Amino acid sequence: MDLRALKYFETVFETRSVSAAARQSHISQPSISSAIQQLEQSLDVQLFIRHHRGVTPTSAADRLYPLSKKLTGDAKGILKIFHEKTAPVPLCLGLMRSLGAQRMSLLLKELVNAIANLELTLVNPEENCDARIVSSSTVSIKEAFEPIWEDRYQLALPRNYPLSFKKEILLSDLDELPFINRAPCDAIDQLKDAMKELQIAFQTRANIRTIEYAQALVSAGVGAAILPNWEEIRATDDIVLRPISDLSLNQTIGLAYNRTKRLDPLLQTTIELCRDYRSRAGRK
């Protein structure tokens, strides 16, 4: 049955006029009349009695009207269900500097794919947020922590530096070596403390904040740096990564969230995804 014809029928029934129904439906009177006639033929009934003042519904029209309203109403409801836009699901994450664009992008992609209609906002970790991806050393007493990555930091050297030909570096080898100092960085702070105990001066050539800038300066031959052994850094042709003997420079990065609040489904999904991501990364 033609739903459009039923809608025209309802309008004629309600206005008691073909001309008024045509104006309300923004179509011509002949189109309305033709649709009503086709509906009458398909039902084999007369729906309206025409006269000079308009139309009068027949008993058949009285019976059809509530059925028609239900049918067209159901059709409208179906369209609304499938055309209605789903409300966005907001999630605000605080991100520390230098997480590694490649791996962080993959994690965020999985998060977006896992949560329907997610609206993701990324802010600095000290700003108000739902959860933070930070170093374990910065987690507060009110936060729970779900580890994601274990970063191993090594000495990054320009490929043409004499030290780059050694497979393992001693702390004594760092004497008078120009460094790209990055702050804040737990690994560099550990290195400075170890060098200080041996009365080896940490010689600063440049001060910067991000791993990306430190990597670029090492590539340019400005000096050495302490960098994580990320895949994208290991793949750099003009940088050599070397471990420092008797010094373990590790950093755990993960998801920190308020332990005092009840977990909502969104945050629970985020935690489980981070846990699964770490598990799969560990199997590679």
Protein backbone atom coordinates (compact mmCIF):
# COMPACT_ATOMS: atom_id res chain seq x y z
CA MET A 1 0.00 0.00 0.00
CA ASP A 2 1.26 3.44 -0.95
CA LEU A 3 2.17 5.31 2.24
CA ARG A 4 2.10 8.61 0.38
CA ALA A 5 -1.52 8.01 -0.66
CA LEU A 6 -2.39 7.26 2.95
CA LYS A 7 -0.79 10.52 4.07
CA TYR A 8 -2.84 12.43 1.48
CA PHE A 9 -5.96 10.59 2.69
CA GLU A 10 -5.24 11.61 6.28
CA THR A 11 -4.80 15.25 5.29
CA VAL A 12 -8.07 15.30 3.31
CA PHE A 13 -9.85 13.56 6.21
CA GLU A 14 -8.52 16.12 8.70
CA THR A 15 -9.16 19.24 6.56
CA ARG A 16 -12.39 18.00 4.92
CA SER A 17 -11.15 19.63 1.72
CA VAL A 18 -9.11 18.47 -1.26
CA SER A 19 -7.91 22.01 -2.00
CA ALA A 20 -6.85 22.59 1.62
CA ALA A 21 -5.08 19.23 1.66
CA ALA A 22 -3.27 20.14 -1.56
CA ARG A 23 -2.06 23.43 -0.07
CA GLN A 24 -0.94 21.74 3.15
CA SER A 25 0.88 18.98 1.24
CA HIS A 26 2.37 21.44 -1.28
CA ILE A 27 1.09 19.50 -4.31
CA SER A 28 -1.63 20.06 -6.90
CA GLN A 29 -5.31 19.18 -6.33
CA PRO A 30 -5.34 16.69 -9.25
CA SER A 31 -2.46 14.79 -7.61
CA ILE A 32 -4.38 14.55 -4.33
CA SER A 33 -7.58 13.46 -6.13
CA SER A 34 -5.71 10.86 -8.17
CA ALA A 35 -4.06 9.39 -5.05
CA ILE A 36 -7.43 9.16 -3.25
CA GLN A 37 -9.05 7.50 -6.28
CA GLN A 38 -6.27 4.90 -6.48
CA LEU A 39 -6.64 4.22 -2.76
CA GLU A 40 -10.41 3.78 -3.16
CA GLN A 41 -9.86 1.37 -6.05
CA SER A 42 -7.33 -0.73 -4.14
CA LEU A 43 -9.66 -0.96 -1.10
CA ASP A 44 -12.82 -1.20 -3.24
CA VAL A 45 -14.61 1.41 -1.13
CA GLN A 46 -15.69 5.03 -1.38
CA LEU A 47 -13.81 7.16 1.13
CA PHE A 48 -15.28 10.62 0.58
CA ILE A 49 -18.50 12.19 -0.70
CA ARG A 50 -17.61 15.24 -2.78
CA HIS A 51 -19.68 18.42 -2.68
CA HIS A 52 -19.14 22.11 -3.39
CA ARG A 53 -18.05 22.89 0.20
CA GLY A 54 -15.46 20.13 0.30
CA VAL A 55 -15.75 16.45 1.20
CA THR A 56 -17.51 14.34 3.80
CA PRO A 57 -15.80 11.14 5.03
CA THR A 58 -17.76 7.91 4.62
CA SER A 59 -17.95 5.19 7.27
CA ALA A 60 -15.14 3.41 5.40
CA ALA A 61 -12.98 6.52 5.81
CA ASP A 62 -13.81 6.62 9.52
CA ARG A 63 -12.57 3.03 9.86
CA LEU A 64 -9.50 3.60 7.72
CA TYR A 65 -8.29 6.80 9.41
CA PRO A 66 -7.00 5.33 12.73
CA LEU A 67 -5.44 2.38 10.91
CA SER A 68 -3.76 4.73 8.45
CA LYS A 69 -2.40 6.97 11.25
CA LYS A 70 -0.90 3.95 12.98
CA LEU A 71 0.71 2.67 9.79
CA THR A 72 2.20 6.01 8.73
CA GLY A 73 3.25 6.70 12.33
CA ASP A 74 5.10 3.38 12.50
CA ALA A 75 6.81 4.18 9.19
CA LYS A 76 7.91 7.57 10.53
CA GLY A 77 9.23 5.87 13.67
CA ILE A 78 11.29 3.46 11.59
CA LEU A 79 12.83 6.33 9.64
CA LYS A 80 13.59 8.21 12.85
CA ILE A 81 15.38 5.22 14.36
CA PHE A 82 17.69 4.83 11.38
CA HIS A 83 18.19 8.50 10.59
CA GLU A 84 18.55 9.80 14.12
CA LYS A 85 22.12 10.73 14.99
CA THR A 86 23.58 8.96 18.00
CA ALA A 87 24.75 11.25 20.79
CA PRO A 88 28.56 11.51 20.96
CA VAL A 89 30.39 9.66 23.74
CA PRO A 90 32.96 12.10 25.19
CA LEU A 91 36.29 10.90 26.60
CA CYS A 92 39.04 13.28 27.71
CA LEU A 93 42.57 11.88 28.02
CA GLY A 94 45.54 13.72 29.46
CA LEU A 95 48.74 12.84 27.60
CA MET A 96 52.29 13.40 28.80
CA ARG A 97 54.88 14.70 26.34
CA SER A 98 56.83 12.36 24.09
CA LEU A 99 54.72 9.22 24.16
CA GLY A 100 55.72 8.21 20.66
CA ALA A 101 53.41 9.39 17.90
CA GLN A 102 53.39 6.06 16.06
CA ARG A 103 52.39 3.79 18.93
CA MET A 104 50.09 6.38 20.50
CA SER A 105 48.22 6.80 17.22
CA LEU A 106 47.70 3.03 17.01
CA LEU A 107 46.36 2.91 20.57
CA LEU A 108 43.97 5.82 19.96
CA LYS A 109 42.80 4.22 16.72
CA GLU A 110 41.90 1.03 18.60
CA LEU A 111 40.08 3.09 21.20
CA VAL A 112 38.03 4.92 18.56
CA ASN A 113 37.18 1.62 16.84
CA ALA A 114 36.17 -0.05 20.10
CA ILE A 115 33.80 2.67 21.38
CA ALA A 116 30.93 3.63 19.09
CA ASN A 117 30.62 7.34 18.31
CA LEU A 118 33.54 8.24 20.58
CA GLU A 119 34.38 11.95 20.82
CA LEU A 120 38.00 12.01 21.97
CA THR A 121 39.66 15.09 23.50
CA LEU A 122 43.40 15.13 24.25
CA VAL A 123 44.80 17.58 26.81
CA ASN A 124 47.90 18.06 28.94
CA PRO A 125 48.09 15.56 31.84
CA GLU A 126 47.77 18.26 34.50
CA GLU A 127 44.43 19.44 33.08
CA ASN A 128 41.03 18.10 34.13
CA CYS A 129 40.44 14.78 32.31
CA ASP A 130 38.83 11.34 32.64
CA ALA A 131 42.17 9.50 32.67
CA ARG A 132 45.84 10.14 31.93
CA ILE A 133 48.52 8.32 29.96
CA VAL A 134 51.66 9.11 31.93
CA SER A 135 54.82 7.73 33.50
CA SER A 136 54.32 5.57 36.59
CA SER A 137 56.53 7.99 38.52
CA THR A 138 53.93 10.76 38.19
CA VAL A 139 50.90 8.74 39.36
CA SER A 140 49.25 10.26 42.43
CA ILE A 141 48.13 8.34 45.52
CA LYS A 142 44.50 8.76 44.44
CA GLU A 143 45.12 7.10 41.07
CA ALA A 144 45.15 3.48 39.95
CA PHE A 145 47.62 2.58 37.20
CA GLU A 146 47.31 0.21 34.24
CA PRO A 147 50.73 -0.32 32.55
CA ILE A 148 50.83 -0.11 28.75
CA TRP A 149 54.50 0.21 27.69
CA GLU A 150 57.89 -0.54 29.25
CA ASP A 151 60.42 1.82 27.69
CA ARG A 152 64.12 1.02 27.84
CA TYR A 153 66.29 4.11 27.51
CA GLN A 154 69.72 3.97 25.90
CA LEU A 155 72.48 6.30 24.82
CA ALA A 156 71.71 7.76 21.38
CA LEU A 157 74.78 8.80 19.40
CA PRO A 158 75.32 10.30 15.95
CA ARG A 159 76.54 7.49 13.74
CA ASN A 160 79.92 9.16 13.11
CA TYR A 161 80.78 9.60 16.81
CA PRO A 162 83.73 7.46 18.00
CA LEU A 163 81.62 6.00 20.83
CA SER A 164 79.09 4.70 18.30
CA PHE A 165 81.52 1.90 17.38
CA LYS A 166 81.45 0.47 20.91
CA LYS A 167 78.79 -2.18 21.59
CA GLU A 168 78.41 -1.18 25.23
CA ILE A 169 79.16 2.13 26.87
CA LEU A 170 80.72 2.63 30.30
CA LEU A 171 79.80 5.59 32.48
CA SER A 172 83.42 6.71 32.29
CA ASP A 173 83.03 6.97 28.50
CA LEU A 174 80.55 9.81 29.01
CA ASP A 175 83.15 12.21 30.40
CA GLU A 176 83.15 15.39 28.26
CA LEU A 177 80.48 13.95 25.96
CA PRO A 178 78.12 16.76 24.85
CA PHE A 179 74.51 15.94 25.77
CA ILE A 180 71.11 17.05 24.57
CA ASN A 181 69.47 17.58 27.96
CA ARG A 182 65.73 16.90 28.11
CA ALA A 183 63.51 17.85 31.00
CA PRO A 184 61.48 16.48 32.56
CA CYS A 185 62.96 12.99 32.05
CA ASP A 186 63.37 10.32 34.76
CA ALA A 187 65.98 8.43 32.73
CA ILE A 188 68.25 11.46 32.34
CA ASP A 189 67.88 12.26 36.05
CA GLN A 190 69.01 8.69 36.88
CA LEU A 191 71.98 9.05 34.52
CA LYS A 192 73.01 12.37 36.08
CA ASP A 193 72.87 10.85 39.57
CA ALA A 194 75.02 7.89 38.47
CA MET A 195 77.56 10.19 36.79
CA LYS A 196 77.67 12.45 39.83
CA GLU A 197 78.57 9.51 42.09
CA LEU A 198 81.59 8.87 39.86
CA GLN A 199 82.37 12.60 39.71
CA ILE A 200 81.71 12.71 35.97
CA ALA A 201 80.30 16.02 34.78
CA PHE A 202 77.16 16.01 32.64
CA GLN A 203 78.03 18.39 29.79
CA THR A 204 74.93 20.07 28.36
CA ARG A 205 75.02 21.14 24.71
CA ALA A 206 71.30 21.95 24.35
CA ASN A 207 68.20 22.02 26.55
CA ILE A 208 64.90 20.82 25.09
CA ARG A 209 61.65 19.21 26.25
CA THR A 210 60.62 16.52 23.79
CA ILE A 211 62.08 13.24 22.58
CA GLU A 212 61.35 14.25 18.99
CA TYR A 213 63.58 17.34 19.21
CA ALA A 214 66.29 15.38 21.01
CA GLN A 215 66.24 12.77 18.24
CA ALA A 216 66.51 15.46 15.56
CA LEU A 217 69.47 17.13 17.29
CA VAL A 218 71.30 13.80 17.64
CA SER A 219 70.67 13.11 13.94
CA ALA A 220 72.15 16.53 13.15
CA GLY A 221 75.31 15.67 15.11
CA VAL A 222 74.76 18.27 17.84
CA GLY A 223 75.35 15.79 20.65
CA ALA A 224 74.28 12.60 22.39
CA ALA A 225 70.97 12.00 24.16
CA ILE A 226 69.13 9.47 26.29
CA LEU A 227 66.30 8.11 24.14
CA PRO A 228 63.86 5.19 24.35
CA ASN A 229 64.53 2.26 22.03
CA TRP A 230 61.29 2.78 20.09
CA GLU A 231 61.07 1.11 16.72
CA GLU A 232 61.00 4.43 14.86
CA ILE A 233 64.21 5.55 16.61
CA ARG A 234 65.99 2.23 16.02
CA ALA A 235 65.10 2.52 12.34
CA THR A 236 66.84 5.91 12.01
CA ASP A 237 69.95 5.55 9.82
CA ASP A 238 71.98 8.38 11.37
CA ILE A 239 71.50 7.38 15.02
CA VAL A 240 73.07 4.52 16.98
CA LEU A 241 71.53 3.30 20.25
CA ARG A 242 73.87 1.77 22.81
CA PRO A 243 73.19 0.41 26.35
CA ILE A 244 75.08 1.93 29.26
CA SER A 245 76.85 -0.73 31.34
CA ASP A 246 75.58 -1.31 34.89
CA LEU A 247 72.80 1.24 34.48
CA SER A 248 69.19 0.25 33.85
CA LEU A 249 67.17 3.17 32.51
CA ASN A 250 63.55 2.05 32.26
CA GLN A 251 60.25 3.88 32.33
CA THR A 252 56.73 2.44 32.62
CA ILE A 253 53.99 4.29 30.74
CA GLY A 254 50.35 3.55 31.40
CA LEU A 255 46.81 4.67 32.07
CA ALA A 256 46.23 6.49 35.36
CA TYR A 257 42.69 7.00 36.60
CA ASN A 258 40.91 8.01 39.80
CA ARG A 259 40.73 4.99 42.11
CA THR A 260 38.17 6.65 44.41
CA LYS A 261 35.45 6.91 41.76
CA ARG A 262 33.24 4.09 40.57
CA LEU A 263 34.29 2.93 37.11
CA ASP A 264 31.78 3.79 34.40
CA PRO A 265 31.45 1.49 31.33
CA LEU A 266 33.43 3.91 29.14
CA LEU A 267 36.46 4.00 31.43
CA GLN A 268 36.22 0.25 32.05
CA THR A 269 36.36 -0.36 28.29
CA THR A 270 39.37 1.97 28.04
CA ILE A 271 41.20 0.08 30.81
CA GLU A 272 40.47 -3.31 29.25
CA LEU A 273 41.62 -2.08 25.83
CA CYS A 274 44.93 -0.82 27.30
CA ARG A 275 45.40 -4.15 29.09
CA ASP A 276 44.72 -6.10 25.89
CA TYR A 277 47.01 -3.78 23.89
CA ARG A 278 49.88 -4.42 26.32
CA SER A 279 49.26 -8.17 26.22
CA ARG A 280 49.38 -8.28 22.41
CA ALA A 281 52.46 -6.04 22.28
CA GLY A 282 54.24 -8.39 24.70
CA ARG A 283 53.64 -11.38 22.41
CA LYS A 284 55.31 -9.74 19.41
